Amino acid sequence: MQLLLDTYALIYALARPEDLKEPARTELADPENEVFFTPANVWEIEIKVSVGKLERPATDVVQAARSSFVELPITSLHAATAGQLPMHHRDPFDRMVIAQGQEEECTVVTPDDKFPLYDVDVMDC
């Protein structure tokens, strides 16, 4: 299975995996699954750090993420798809994760209840 982490899932997978819900916790630990993070996660984390919502610098998260997961680059196709999505969700980072999940046929790991409104497989975490 290919799994794509939203920012919340990435932070929890790295810092507090025991707090993730099942089956997400088990699936993320399964070596048979390919687990991706996206540069959109890093960008969102850096913004949250700059406004005081998070303390851990994105550079620390990137280093930890690269040692645990596979980075899924953002392409022009992902950007076009994100721009064409219905406006159920206005968060640009989440829209990018949804677009990448659609285009790369990944299951998106997220606690966000708006993701299932899109044509993308979702795993609650």
PDB file of N, CA and C in Angstrom:
ATOM      1  N   MET A   1       0.844  -1.173   0.000  1.00  0.00           N
ATOM      2  CA  MET A   1       0.000   0.000   0.000  1.00  0.00           C
ATOM      3  C   MET A   1       0.892   1.238   0.000  1.00  0.00           C
ATOM      4  N   GLN A   2       0.461   2.258  -0.742  1.00  0.00           N
ATOM      5  CA  GLN A   2       1.156   3.545  -0.746  1.00  0.00           C
ATOM      6  C   GLN A   2       0.375   4.521   0.118  1.00  0.00           C
ATOM      7  N   LEU A   3       1.050   5.091   1.102  1.00  0.00           N
ATOM      8  CA  LEU A   3       0.422   6.015   2.043  1.00  0.00           C
ATOM      9  C   LEU A   3       1.087   7.378   1.926  1.00  0.00           C
ATOM     10  N   LEU A   4       0.272   8.430   1.919  1.00  0.00           N
ATOM     11  CA  LEU A   4       0.772   9.799   1.883  1.00  0.00           C
ATOM     12  C   LEU A   4       0.312  10.507   3.147  1.00  0.00           C
ATOM     13  N   LEU A   5       1.252  11.046   3.893  1.00  0.00           N
ATOM     14  CA  LEU A   5       0.950  11.694   5.167  1.00  0.00           C
ATOM     15  C   LEU A   5       0.561  13.154   4.980  1.00  0.00           C
ATOM     16  N   ASP A   6      -0.540  13.570   5.615  1.00  0.00           N
ATOM     17  CA  ASP A   6      -0.776  15.008   5.701  1.00  0.00           C
ATOM     18  C   ASP A   6       0.126  15.527   6.820  1.00  0.00           C
ATOM     19  N   THR A   7       0.139  16.821   7.043  1.00  0.00           N
ATOM     20  CA  THR A   7       1.090  17.404   7.995  1.00  0.00           C
ATOM     21  C   THR A   7       0.861  16.910   9.417  1.00  0.00           C
ATOM     22  N   TYR A   8      -0.387  16.843   9.837  1.00  0.00           N
ATOM     23  CA  TYR A   8      -0.707  16.328  11.174  1.00  0.00           C
ATOM     24  C   TYR A   8      -0.159  14.909  11.324  1.00  0.00           C
ATOM     25  N   ALA A   9      -0.441  14.058  10.339  1.00  0.00           N
ATOM     26  CA  ALA A   9       0.003  12.663  10.405  1.00  0.00           C
ATOM     27  C   ALA A   9       1.525  12.570  10.427  1.00  0.00           C
ATOM     28  N   LEU A  10       2.201  13.412   9.656  1.00  0.00           N
ATOM     29  CA  LEU A  10       3.664  13.407   9.649  1.00  0.00           C
ATOM     30  C   LEU A  10       4.218  13.770  11.021  1.00  0.00           C
ATOM     31  N   ILE A  11       3.698  14.829  11.608  1.00  0.00           N
ATOM     32  CA  ILE A  11       4.183  15.259  12.922  1.00  0.00           C
ATOM     33  C   ILE A  11       3.967  14.159  13.957  1.00  0.00           C
ATOM     34  N   TYR A  12       2.787  13.573  13.961  1.00  0.00           N
ATOM     35  CA  TYR A  12       2.499  12.528  14.945  1.00  0.00           C
ATOM     36  C   TYR A  12       3.280  11.250  14.654  1.00  0.00           C
ATOM     37  N   ALA A  13       3.458  10.898  13.391  1.00  0.00           N
ATOM     38  CA  ALA A  13       4.224   9.695  13.056  1.00  0.00           C
ATOM     39  C   ALA A  13       5.665   9.812  13.537  1.00  0.00           C
ATOM     40  N   LEU A  14       6.202  11.023  13.511  1.00  0.00           N
ATOM     41  CA  LEU A  14       7.583  11.238  13.944  1.00  0.00           C
ATOM     42  C   LEU A  14       7.710  11.450  15.447  1.00  0.00           C
ATOM     43  N   ALA A  15       6.790  12.201  16.040  1.00  0.00           N
ATOM     44  CA  ALA A  15       6.943  12.607  17.440  1.00  0.00           C
ATOM     45  C   ALA A  15       6.156  11.758  18.426  1.00  0.00           C
ATOM     46  N   ARG A  16       4.974  11.309  18.027  1.00  0.00           N
ATOM     47  CA  ARG A  16       4.110  10.570  18.961  1.00  0.00           C
ATOM     48  C   ARG A  16       3.319   9.479  18.233  1.00  0.00           C
ATOM     49  N   PRO A  17       4.013   8.516  17.627  1.00  0.00           N
ATOM     50  CA  PRO A  17       3.306   7.486  16.860  1.00  0.00           C
ATOM     51  C   PRO A  17       2.300   6.699  17.689  1.00  0.00           C
ATOM     52  N   GLU A  18       2.535   6.602  18.991  1.00  0.00           N
ATOM     53  CA  GLU A  18       1.613   5.861  19.858  1.00  0.00           C
ATOM     54  C   GLU A  18       0.247   6.541  19.943  1.00  0.00           C
ATOM     55  N   ASP A  19       0.171   7.816  19.585  1.00  0.00           N
ATOM     56  CA  ASP A  19      -1.100   8.545  19.626  1.00  0.00           C
ATOM     57  C   ASP A  19      -1.905   8.425  18.334  1.00  0.00           C
ATOM     58  N   LEU A  20      -1.334   7.812  17.307  1.00  0.00           N
ATOM     59  CA  LEU A  20      -2.077   7.612  16.064  1.00  0.00           C
ATOM     60  C   LEU A  20      -3.128   6.522  16.255  1.00  0.00           C
ATOM     61  N   LYS A  21      -4.259   6.685  15.589  1.00  0.00           N
ATOM     62  CA  LYS A  21      -5.335   5.695  15.655  1.00  0.00           C
ATOM     63  C   LYS A  21      -4.973   4.469  14.824  1.00  0.00           C
ATOM     64  N   GLU A  22      -5.611   3.371  15.162  1.00  0.00           N
ATOM     65  CA  GLU A  22      -5.528   2.179  14.316  1.00  0.00           C
ATOM     66  C   GLU A  22      -6.563   2.323  13.207  1.00  0.00           C
ATOM     67  N   PRO A  23      -6.323   1.821  12.008  1.00  0.00           N
ATOM     68  CA  PRO A  23      -5.174   1.024  11.589  1.00  0.00           C
ATOM     69  C   PRO A  23      -3.971   1.845  11.135  1.00  0.00           C
ATOM     70  N   ALA A  24      -4.059   3.171  11.197  1.00  0.00           N
ATOM     71  CA  ALA A  24      -2.956   4.000  10.695  1.00  0.00           C
ATOM     72  C   ALA A  24      -1.627   3.647  11.356  1.00  0.00           C
ATOM     73  N   ARG A  25      -1.627   3.480  12.662  1.00  0.00           N
ATOM     74  CA  ARG A  25      -0.378   3.186  13.381  1.00  0.00           C
ATOM     75  C   ARG A  25       0.258   1.904  12.845  1.00  0.00           C
ATOM     76  N   THR A  26      -0.539   0.861  12.677  1.00  0.00           N
ATOM     77  CA  THR A  26      -0.028  -0.421  12.186  1.00  0.00           C
ATOM     78  C   THR A  26       0.431  -0.316  10.737  1.00  0.00           C
ATOM     79  N   GLU A  27      -0.361   0.351   9.904  1.00  0.00           N
ATOM     80  CA  GLU A  27      -0.017   0.464   8.481  1.00  0.00           C
ATOM     81  C   GLU A  27       1.260   1.280   8.273  1.00  0.00           C
ATOM     82  N   LEU A  28       1.455   2.315   9.065  1.00  0.00           N
ATOM     83  CA  LEU A  28       2.674   3.116   8.934  1.00  0.00           C
ATOM     84  C   LEU A  28       3.911   2.330   9.357  1.00  0.00           C
ATOM     85  N   ALA A  29       3.752   1.398  10.261  1.00  0.00           N
ATOM     86  CA  ALA A  29       4.877   0.589  10.744  1.00  0.00           C
ATOM     87  C   ALA A  29       5.151  -0.627   9.863  1.00  0.00           C
ATOM     88  N   ASP A  30       4.230  -0.956   8.971  1.00  0.00           N
ATOM     89  CA  ASP A  30       4.364  -2.142   8.125  1.00  0.00           C
ATOM     90  C   ASP A  30       5.421  -1.897   7.044  1.00  0.00           C
ATOM     91  N   PRO A  31       6.515  -2.672   7.036  1.00  0.00           N
ATOM     92  CA  PRO A  31       7.578  -2.453   6.054  1.00  0.00           C
ATOM     93  C   PRO A  31       7.151  -2.744   4.614  1.00  0.00           C
ATOM     94  N   GLU A  32       6.020  -3.411   4.445  1.00  0.00           N
ATOM     95  CA  GLU A  32       5.504  -3.678   3.100  1.00  0.00           C
ATOM     96  C   GLU A  32       4.895  -2.424   2.466  1.00  0.00           C
ATOM     97  N   ASN A  33       4.532  -1.456   3.287  1.00  0.00           N
ATOM     98  CA  ASN A  33       3.914  -0.226   2.790  1.00  0.00           C
ATOM     99  C   ASN A  33       4.969   0.823   2.480  1.00  0.00           C
ATOM    100  N   GLU A  34       4.704   1.601   1.438  1.00  0.00           N
ATOM    101  CA  GLU A  34       5.569   2.726   1.092  1.00  0.00           C
ATOM    102  C   GLU A  34       4.899   3.986   1.641  1.00  0.00           C
ATOM    103  N   VAL A  35       5.608   4.704   2.503  1.00  0.00           N
ATOM    104  CA  VAL A  35       5.034   5.867   3.183  1.00  0.00           C
ATOM    105  C   VAL A  35       5.732   7.130   2.683  1.00  0.00           C
ATOM    106  N   PHE A  36       4.925   8.073   2.196  1.00  0.00           N
ATOM    107  CA  PHE A  36       5.431   9.312   1.616  1.00  0.00           C
ATOM    108  C   PHE A  36       5.097  10.522   2.478  1.00  0.00           C
ATOM    109  N   PHE A  37       5.964  11.525   2.409  1.00  0.00           N
ATOM    110  CA  PHE A  37       5.638  12.868   2.886  1.00  0.00           C
ATOM    111  C   PHE A  37       5.859  13.796   1.701  1.00  0.00           C
ATOM    112  N   THR A  38       5.373  15.018   1.795  1.00  0.00           N
ATOM    113  CA  THR A  38       5.446  15.958   0.683  1.00  0.00           C
ATOM    114  C   THR A  38       6.113  17.262   1.120  1.00  0.00           C
ATOM    115  N   PRO A  39       6.769  17.961   0.211  1.00  0.00           N
ATOM    116  CA  PRO A  39       7.306  19.274   0.559  1.00  0.00           C
ATOM    117  C   PRO A  39       6.232  20.225   1.097  1.00  0.00           C
ATOM    118  N   ALA A  40       4.973  19.998   0.745  1.00  0.00           N
ATOM    119  CA  ALA A  40       3.885  20.822   1.292  1.00  0.00           C
ATOM    120  C   ALA A  40       3.820  20.684   2.811  1.00  0.00           C
ATOM    121  N   ASN A  41       4.136  19.496   3.341  1.00  0.00           N
ATOM    122  CA  ASN A  41       4.183  19.309   4.798  1.00  0.00           C
ATOM    123  C   ASN A  41       5.234  20.221   5.416  1.00  0.00           C
ATOM    124  N   VAL A  42       6.396  20.233   4.805  1.00  0.00           N
ATOM    125  CA  VAL A  42       7.517  21.011   5.327  1.00  0.00           C
ATOM    126  C   VAL A  42       7.191  22.503   5.281  1.00  0.00           C
ATOM    127  N   TRP A  43       6.614  22.934   4.195  1.00  0.00           N
ATOM    128  CA  TRP A  43       6.230  24.338   4.038  1.00  0.00           C
ATOM    129  C   TRP A  43       5.214  24.735   5.114  1.00  0.00           C
ATOM    130  N   GLU A  44       4.203  23.889   5.314  1.00  0.00           N
ATOM    131  CA  GLU A  44       3.189  24.180   6.333  1.00  0.00           C
ATOM    132  C   GLU A  44       3.805  24.224   7.733  1.00  0.00           C
ATOM    133  N   ILE A  45       4.695  23.291   8.025  1.00  0.00           N
ATOM    134  CA  ILE A  45       5.347  23.270   9.341  1.00  0.00           C
ATOM    135  C   ILE A  45       6.151  24.545   9.553  1.00  0.00           C
ATOM    136  N   GLU A  46       6.891  24.966   8.542  1.00  0.00           N
ATOM    137  CA  GLU A  46       7.710  26.178   8.673  1.00  0.00           C
ATOM    138  C   GLU A  46       6.835  27.402   8.927  1.00  0.00           C
ATOM    139  N   ILE A  47       5.694  27.485   8.281  1.00  0.00           N
ATOM    140  CA  ILE A  47       4.771  28.599   8.534  1.00  0.00           C
ATOM    141  C   ILE A  47       4.253  28.538   9.963  1.00  0.00           C
ATOM    142  N   LYS A  48       3.895  27.347  10.428  1.00  0.00           N
ATOM    143  CA  LYS A  48       3.408  27.206  11.805  1.00  0.00           C
ATOM    144  C   LYS A  48       4.493  27.591  12.820  1.00  0.00           C
ATOM    145  N   VAL A  49       5.739  27.257  12.530  1.00  0.00           N
ATOM    146  CA  VAL A  49       6.848  27.658  13.409  1.00  0.00           C
ATOM    147  C   VAL A  49       6.970  29.184  13.416  1.00  0.00           C
ATOM    148  N   SER A  50       6.878  29.797  12.244  1.00  0.00           N
ATOM    149  CA  SER A  50       7.075  31.253  12.151  1.00  0.00           C
ATOM    150  C   SER A  50       5.983  32.053  12.855  1.00  0.00           C
ATOM    151  N   VAL A  51       4.786  31.471  12.994  1.00  0.00           N
ATOM    152  CA  VAL A  51       3.698  32.180  13.695  1.00  0.00           C
ATOM    153  C   VAL A  51       3.529  31.690  15.133  1.00  0.00           C
ATOM    154  N   GLY A  52       4.443  30.833  15.582  1.00  0.00           N
ATOM    155  CA  GLY A  52       4.442  30.403  16.976  1.00  0.00           C
ATOM    156  C   GLY A  52       3.518  29.251  17.318  1.00  0.00           C
ATOM    157  N   LYS A  53       2.984  28.547  16.309  1.00  0.00           N
ATOM    158  CA  LYS A  53       2.095  27.412  16.589  1.00  0.00           C
ATOM    159  C   LYS A  53       2.860  26.108  16.814  1.00  0.00           C
ATOM    160  N   LEU A  54       4.090  26.057  16.337  1.00  0.00           N
ATOM    161  CA  LEU A  54       4.970  24.903  16.543  1.00  0.00           C
ATOM    162  C   LEU A  54       6.342  25.419  16.938  1.00  0.00           C
ATOM    163  N   GLU A  55       7.088  24.581  17.650  1.00  0.00           N
ATOM    164  CA  GLU A  55       8.429  24.982  18.073  1.00  0.00           C
ATOM    165  C   GLU A  55       9.531  24.304  17.281  1.00  0.00           C
ATOM    166  N   ARG A  56       9.269  23.115  16.790  1.00  0.00           N
ATOM    167  CA  ARG A  56      10.316  22.347  16.123  1.00  0.00           C
ATOM    168  C   ARG A  56      10.562  22.890  14.715  1.00  0.00           C
ATOM    169  N   PRO A  57      11.781  23.276  14.386  1.00  0.00           N
ATOM    170  CA  PRO A  57      12.064  23.789  13.044  1.00  0.00           C
ATOM    171  C   PRO A  57      11.812  22.737  11.968  1.00  0.00           C
ATOM    172  N   ALA A  58      11.376  23.191  10.819  1.00  0.00           N
ATOM    173  CA  ALA A  58      11.089  22.283   9.710  1.00  0.00           C
ATOM    174  C   ALA A  58      12.322  21.498   9.292  1.00  0.00           C
ATOM    175  N   THR A  59      13.518  22.089   9.439  1.00  0.00           N
ATOM    176  CA  THR A  59      14.736  21.366   9.061  1.00  0.00           C
ATOM    177  C   THR A  59      14.886  20.092   9.885  1.00  0.00           C
ATOM    178  N   ASP A  60      14.511  20.135  11.158  1.00  0.00           N
ATOM    179  CA  ASP A  60      14.551  18.931  11.996  1.00  0.00           C
ATOM    180  C   ASP A  60      13.544  17.900  11.501  1.00  0.00           C
ATOM    181  N   VAL A  61      12.370  18.365  11.117  1.00  0.00           N
ATOM    182  CA  VAL A  61      11.324  17.466  10.627  1.00  0.00           C
ATOM    183  C   VAL A  61      11.758  16.829   9.315  1.00  0.00           C
ATOM    184  N   VAL A  62      12.350  17.612   8.427  1.00  0.00           N
ATOM    185  CA  VAL A  62      12.810  17.082   7.141  1.00  0.00           C
ATOM    186  C   VAL A  62      13.832  15.982   7.358  1.00  0.00           C
ATOM    187  N   GLN A  63      14.781  16.224   8.220  1.00  0.00           N
ATOM    188  CA  GLN A  63      15.815  15.220   8.496  1.00  0.00           C
ATOM    189  C   GLN A  63      15.187  13.936   9.039  1.00  0.00           C
ATOM    190  N   ALA A  64      14.281  14.068   9.979  1.00  0.00           N
ATOM    191  CA  ALA A  64      13.610  12.894  10.547  1.00  0.00           C
ATOM    192  C   ALA A  64      12.726  12.215   9.507  1.00  0.00           C
ATOM    193  N   ALA A  65      12.010  12.996   8.720  1.00  0.00           N
ATOM    194  CA  ALA A  65      11.118  12.426   7.708  1.00  0.00           C
ATOM    195  C   ALA A  65      11.905  11.670   6.647  1.00  0.00           C
ATOM    196  N   ARG A  66      13.011  12.232   6.200  1.00  0.00           N
ATOM    197  CA  ARG A  66      13.818  11.573   5.169  1.00  0.00           C
ATOM    198  C   ARG A  66      14.420  10.267   5.659  1.00  0.00           C
ATOM    199  N   SER A  67      14.652  10.156   6.950  1.00  0.00           N
ATOM    200  CA  SER A  67      15.211   8.906   7.465  1.00  0.00           C
ATOM    201  C   SER A  67      14.126   7.846   7.660  1.00  0.00           C
ATOM    202  N   SER A  68      12.859   8.253   7.677  1.00  0.00           N
ATOM    203  CA  SER A  68      11.769   7.310   7.932  1.00  0.00           C
ATOM    204  C   SER A  68      10.857   7.074   6.733  1.00  0.00           C
ATOM    205  N   PHE A  69      10.717   8.083   5.871  1.00  0.00           N
ATOM    206  CA  PHE A  69       9.728   8.033   4.795  1.00  0.00           C
ATOM    207  C   PHE A  69      10.350   8.468   3.471  1.00  0.00           C
ATOM    208  N   VAL A  70       9.555   8.378   2.397  1.00  0.00           N
ATOM    209  CA  VAL A  70       9.997   8.750   1.057  1.00  0.00           C
ATOM    210  C   VAL A  70       9.404  10.117   0.711  1.00  0.00           C
ATOM    211  N   GLU A  71      10.240  11.015   0.217  1.00  0.00           N
ATOM    212  CA  GLU A  71       9.737  12.330  -0.180  1.00  0.00           C
ATOM    213  C   GLU A  71       9.070  12.236  -1.551  1.00  0.00           C
ATOM    214  N   LEU A  72       7.834  12.719  -1.636  1.00  0.00           N
ATOM    215  CA  LEU A  72       7.087  12.750  -2.893  1.00  0.00           C
ATOM    216  C   LEU A  72       7.144  14.176  -3.435  1.00  0.00           C
ATOM    217  N   PRO A  73       7.954  14.417  -4.466  1.00  0.00           N
ATOM    218  CA  PRO A  73       8.081  15.774  -4.999  1.00  0.00           C
ATOM    219  C   PRO A  73       6.748  16.299  -5.540  1.00  0.00           C
ATOM    220  N   ILE A  74       6.609  17.602  -5.517  1.00  0.00           N
ATOM    221  CA  ILE A  74       5.435  18.253  -6.094  1.00  0.00           C
ATOM    222  C   ILE A  74       5.725  18.530  -7.566  1.00  0.00           C
ATOM    223  N   THR A  75       4.800  18.114  -8.431  1.00  0.00           N
ATOM    224  CA  THR A  75       4.951  18.330  -9.868  1.00  0.00           C
ATOM    225  C   THR A  75       3.933  19.356 -10.359  1.00  0.00           C
ATOM    226  N   SER A  76       4.112  19.775 -11.610  1.00  0.00           N
ATOM    227  CA  SER A  76       3.144  20.705 -12.199  1.00  0.00           C
ATOM    228  C   SER A  76       1.774  20.048 -12.330  1.00  0.00           C
ATOM    229  N   LEU A  77       1.722  18.737 -12.551  1.00  0.00           N
ATOM    230  CA  LEU A  77       0.438  18.030 -12.598  1.00  0.00           C
ATOM    231  C   LEU A  77      -0.254  18.098 -11.241  1.00  0.00           C
ATOM    232  N   HIS A  78       0.502  17.907 -10.168  1.00  0.00           N
ATOM    233  CA  HIS A  78      -0.073  18.020  -8.821  1.00  0.00           C
ATOM    234  C   HIS A  78      -0.645  19.422  -8.607  1.00  0.00           C
ATOM    235  N   ALA A  79       0.109  20.441  -9.026  1.00  0.00           N
ATOM    236  CA  ALA A  79      -0.339  21.825  -8.843  1.00  0.00           C
ATOM    237  C   ALA A  79      -1.616  22.095  -9.633  1.00  0.00           C
ATOM    238  N   ALA A  80      -1.666  21.620 -10.874  1.00  0.00           N
ATOM    239  CA  ALA A  80      -2.867  21.824 -11.690  1.00  0.00           C
ATOM    240  C   ALA A  80      -4.065  21.116 -11.075  1.00  0.00           C
ATOM    241  N   THR A  81      -3.859  19.896 -10.610  1.00  0.00           N
ATOM    242  CA  THR A  81      -4.948  19.137  -9.986  1.00  0.00           C
ATOM    243  C   THR A  81      -5.431  19.838  -8.725  1.00  0.00           C
ATOM    244  N   ALA A  82      -4.509  20.320  -7.902  1.00  0.00           N
ATOM    245  CA  ALA A  82      -4.892  21.026  -6.672  1.00  0.00           C
ATOM    246  C   ALA A  82      -5.738  22.252  -6.995  1.00  0.00           C
ATOM    247  N   GLY A  83      -5.379  22.958  -8.047  1.00  0.00           N
ATOM    248  CA  GLY A  83      -6.118  24.151  -8.438  1.00  0.00           C
ATOM    249  C   GLY A  83      -7.504  23.855  -8.973  1.00  0.00           C
ATOM    250  N   GLN A  84      -7.710  22.639  -9.490  1.00  0.00           N
ATOM    251  CA  GLN A  84      -8.996  22.263 -10.079  1.00  0.00           C
ATOM    252  C   GLN A  84      -9.929  21.562  -9.102  1.00  0.00           C
ATOM    253  N   LEU A  85      -9.469  21.293  -7.901  1.00  0.00           N
ATOM    254  CA  LEU A  85     -10.314  20.599  -6.922  1.00  0.00           C
ATOM    255  C   LEU A  85     -11.507  21.461  -6.523  1.00  0.00           C
ATOM    256  N   PRO A  86     -12.639  20.819  -6.210  1.00  0.00           N
ATOM    257  CA  PRO A  86     -13.769  21.579  -5.656  1.00  0.00           C
ATOM    258  C   PRO A  86     -13.328  22.263  -4.359  1.00  0.00           C
ATOM    259  N   MET A  87     -13.988  23.343  -4.013  1.00  0.00           N
ATOM    260  CA  MET A  87     -13.572  24.142  -2.858  1.00  0.00           C
ATOM    261  C   MET A  87     -14.174  23.656  -1.540  1.00  0.00           C
ATOM    262  N   HIS A  88     -14.193  22.330  -1.339  1.00  0.00           N
ATOM    263  CA  HIS A  88     -14.631  21.805  -0.043  1.00  0.00           C
ATOM    264  C   HIS A  88     -13.648  22.239   1.043  1.00  0.00           C
ATOM    265  N   HIS A  89     -12.405  22.374   0.637  1.00  0.00           N
ATOM    266  CA  HIS A  89     -11.321  22.677   1.565  1.00  0.00           C
ATOM    267  C   HIS A  89     -10.527  23.840   0.983  1.00  0.00           C
ATOM    268  N   ARG A  90     -10.284  24.864   1.758  1.00  0.00           N
ATOM    269  CA  ARG A  90      -9.570  26.036   1.247  1.00  0.00           C
ATOM    270  C   ARG A  90      -8.090  26.055   1.639  1.00  0.00           C
ATOM    271  N   ASP A  91      -7.666  25.146   2.498  1.00  0.00           N
ATOM    272  CA  ASP A  91      -6.272  25.099   2.934  1.00  0.00           C
ATOM    273  C   ASP A  91      -5.399  24.628   1.764  1.00  0.00           C
ATOM    274  N   PRO A  92      -4.473  25.472   1.277  1.00  0.00           N
ATOM    275  CA  PRO A  92      -3.677  25.093   0.108  1.00  0.00           C
ATOM    276  C   PRO A  92      -2.774  23.882   0.348  1.00  0.00           C
ATOM    277  N   PHE A  93      -2.312  23.689   1.562  1.00  0.00           N
ATOM    278  CA  PHE A  93      -1.456  22.542   1.858  1.00  0.00           C
ATOM    279  C   PHE A  93      -2.269  21.253   1.772  1.00  0.00           C
ATOM    280  N   ASP A  94      -3.449  21.263   2.347  1.00  0.00           N
ATOM    281  CA  ASP A  94      -4.309  20.084   2.285  1.00  0.00           C
ATOM    282  C   ASP A  94      -4.748  19.806   0.855  1.00  0.00           C
ATOM    283  N   ARG A  95      -5.028  20.844   0.098  1.00  0.00           N
ATOM    284  CA  ARG A  95      -5.419  20.656  -1.303  1.00  0.00           C
ATOM    285  C   ARG A  95      -4.279  20.010  -2.092  1.00  0.00           C
ATOM    286  N   MET A  96      -3.036  20.379  -1.789  1.00  0.00           N
ATOM    287  CA  MET A  96      -1.900  19.765  -2.472  1.00  0.00           C
ATOM    288  C   MET A  96      -1.765  18.297  -2.083  1.00  0.00           C
ATOM    289  N   VAL A  97      -1.918  17.987  -0.810  1.00  0.00           N
ATOM    290  CA  VAL A  97      -1.840  16.591  -0.366  1.00  0.00           C
ATOM    291  C   VAL A  97      -2.936  15.771  -1.051  1.00  0.00           C
ATOM    292  N   ILE A  98      -4.140  16.303  -1.134  1.00  0.00           N
ATOM    293  CA  ILE A  98      -5.245  15.611  -1.802  1.00  0.00           C
ATOM    294  C   ILE A  98      -4.904  15.376  -3.270  1.00  0.00           C
ATOM    295  N   ALA A  99      -4.412  16.403  -3.952  1.00  0.00           N
ATOM    296  CA  ALA A  99      -4.052  16.274  -5.365  1.00  0.00           C
ATOM    297  C   ALA A  99      -2.962  15.228  -5.566  1.00  0.00           C
ATOM    298  N   GLN A 100      -1.954  15.238  -4.712  1.00  0.00           N
ATOM    299  CA  GLN A 100      -0.889  14.240  -4.827  1.00  0.00           C
ATOM    300  C   GLN A 100      -1.435  12.836  -4.566  1.00  0.00           C
ATOM    301  N   GLY A 101      -2.306  12.712  -3.587  1.00  0.00           N
ATOM    302  CA  GLY A 101      -2.922  11.416  -3.319  1.00  0.00           C
ATOM    303  C   GLY A 101      -3.701  10.904  -4.514  1.00  0.00           C
ATOM    304  N   GLN A 102      -4.439  11.800  -5.158  1.00  0.00           N
ATOM    305  CA  GLN A 102      -5.208  11.411  -6.339  1.00  0.00           C
ATOM    306  C   GLN A 102      -4.290  10.986  -7.478  1.00  0.00           C
ATOM    307  N   GLU A 103      -3.343  11.834  -7.819  1.00  0.00           N
ATOM    308  CA  GLU A 103      -2.490  11.586  -8.984  1.00  0.00           C
ATOM    309  C   GLU A 103      -1.547  10.403  -8.796  1.00  0.00           C
ATOM    310  N   GLU A 104      -1.104  10.164  -7.572  1.00  0.00           N
ATOM    311  CA  GLU A 104      -0.155   9.082  -7.313  1.00  0.00           C
ATOM    312  C   GLU A 104      -0.831   7.826  -6.764  1.00  0.00           C
ATOM    313  N   GLU A 105      -2.170   7.879  -6.658  1.00  0.00           N
ATOM    314  CA  GLU A 105      -2.964   6.748  -6.163  1.00  0.00           C
ATOM    315  C   GLU A 105      -2.492   6.276  -4.789  1.00  0.00           C
ATOM    316  N   CYS A 106      -2.304   7.242  -3.909  1.00  0.00           N
ATOM    317  CA  CYS A 106      -1.922   6.966  -2.524  1.00  0.00           C
ATOM    318  C   CYS A 106      -3.139   7.097  -1.617  1.00  0.00           C
ATOM    319  N   THR A 107      -3.133   6.353  -0.537  1.00  0.00           N
ATOM    320  CA  THR A 107      -4.104   6.559   0.531  1.00  0.00           C
ATOM    321  C   THR A 107      -3.556   7.669   1.410  1.00  0.00           C
ATOM    322  N   VAL A 108      -4.357   8.706   1.620  1.00  0.00           N
ATOM    323  CA  VAL A 108      -3.915   9.844   2.423  1.00  0.00           C
ATOM    324  C   VAL A 108      -4.241   9.576   3.892  1.00  0.00           C
ATOM    325  N   VAL A 109      -3.230   9.688   4.734  1.00  0.00           N
ATOM    326  CA  VAL A 109      -3.387   9.486   6.175  1.00  0.00           C
ATOM    327  C   VAL A 109      -3.617  10.857   6.805  1.00  0.00           C
ATOM    328  N   THR A 110      -4.809  11.040   7.393  1.00  0.00           N
ATOM    329  CA  THR A 110      -5.206  12.341   7.929  1.00  0.00           C
ATOM    330  C   THR A 110      -6.357  12.188   8.921  1.00  0.00           C
ATOM    331  N   PRO A 111      -6.462  13.100   9.882  1.00  0.00           N
ATOM    332  CA  PRO A 111      -7.644  13.110  10.735  1.00  0.00           C
ATOM    333  C   PRO A 111      -8.725  14.059  10.197  1.00  0.00           C
ATOM    334  N   ASP A 112      -8.432  14.740   9.094  1.00  0.00           N
ATOM    335  CA  ASP A 112      -9.307  15.793   8.568  1.00  0.00           C
ATOM    336  C   ASP A 112     -10.579  15.199   7.968  1.00  0.00           C
ATOM    337  N   ASP A 113     -11.728  15.630   8.473  1.00  0.00           N
ATOM    338  CA  ASP A 113     -13.003  15.073   8.010  1.00  0.00           C
ATOM    339  C   ASP A 113     -13.460  15.636   6.665  1.00  0.00           C
ATOM    340  N   LYS A 114     -12.722  16.585   6.088  1.00  0.00           N
ATOM    341  CA  LYS A 114     -13.075  17.106   4.765  1.00  0.00           C
ATOM    342  C   LYS A 114     -12.427  16.311   3.630  1.00  0.00           C
ATOM    343  N   PHE A 115     -11.366  15.591   3.911  1.00  0.00           N
ATOM    344  CA  PHE A 115     -10.677  14.840   2.862  1.00  0.00           C
ATOM    345  C   PHE A 115     -11.591  13.829   2.166  1.00  0.00           C
ATOM    346  N   PRO A 116     -12.460  13.109   2.886  1.00  0.00           N
ATOM    347  CA  PRO A 116     -13.333  12.149   2.206  1.00  0.00           C
ATOM    348  C   PRO A 116     -14.325  12.790   1.224  1.00  0.00           C
ATOM    349  N   LEU A 117     -14.469  14.108   1.243  1.00  0.00           N
ATOM    350  CA  LEU A 117     -15.338  14.782   0.280  1.00  0.00           C
ATOM    351  C   LEU A 117     -14.729  14.763  -1.120  1.00  0.00           C
ATOM    352  N   TYR A 118     -13.452  14.438  -1.211  1.00  0.00           N
ATOM    353  CA  TYR A 118     -12.738  14.388  -2.480  1.00  0.00           C
ATOM    354  C   TYR A 118     -12.593  12.938  -2.941  1.00  0.00           C
ATOM    355  N   ASP A 119     -12.277  12.792  -4.213  1.00  0.00           N
ATOM    356  CA  ASP A 119     -12.078  11.467  -4.790  1.00  0.00           C
ATOM    357  C   ASP A 119     -10.653  10.992  -4.487  1.00  0.00           C
ATOM    358  N   VAL A 120     -10.437  10.635  -3.216  1.00  0.00           N
ATOM    359  CA  VAL A 120      -9.130  10.151  -2.778  1.00  0.00           C
ATOM    360  C   VAL A 120      -9.360   9.170  -1.628  1.00  0.00           C
ATOM    361  N   ASP A 121      -8.562   8.104  -1.603  1.00  0.00           N
ATOM    362  CA  ASP A 121      -8.648   7.158  -0.488  1.00  0.00           C
ATOM    363  C   ASP A 121      -8.070   7.819   0.755  1.00  0.00           C
ATOM    364  N   VAL A 122      -8.755   7.638   1.887  1.00  0.00           N
ATOM    365  CA  VAL A 122      -8.358   8.280   3.139  1.00  0.00           C
ATOM    366  C   VAL A 122      -8.282   7.239   4.250  1.00  0.00           C
ATOM    367  N   MET A 123      -7.271   7.374   5.101  1.00  0.00           N
ATOM    368  CA  MET A 123      -7.158   6.573   6.313  1.00  0.00           C
ATOM    369  C   MET A 123      -7.114   7.537   7.489  1.00  0.00           C
ATOM    370  N   ASP A 124      -8.067   7.402   8.395  1.00  0.00           N
ATOM    371  CA  ASP A 124      -8.126   8.274   9.563  1.00  0.00           C
ATOM    372  C   ASP A 124      -6.959   7.957  10.498  1.00  0.00           C
ATOM    373  N   CYS A 125      -6.426   8.999  11.095  1.00  0.00           N
ATOM    374  CA  CYS A 125      -5.327   8.781  12.043  1.00  0.00           C
ATOM    375  C   CYS A 125      -5.592   9.497  13.349  1.00  0.00           C
TER     376      CYS A 125
END
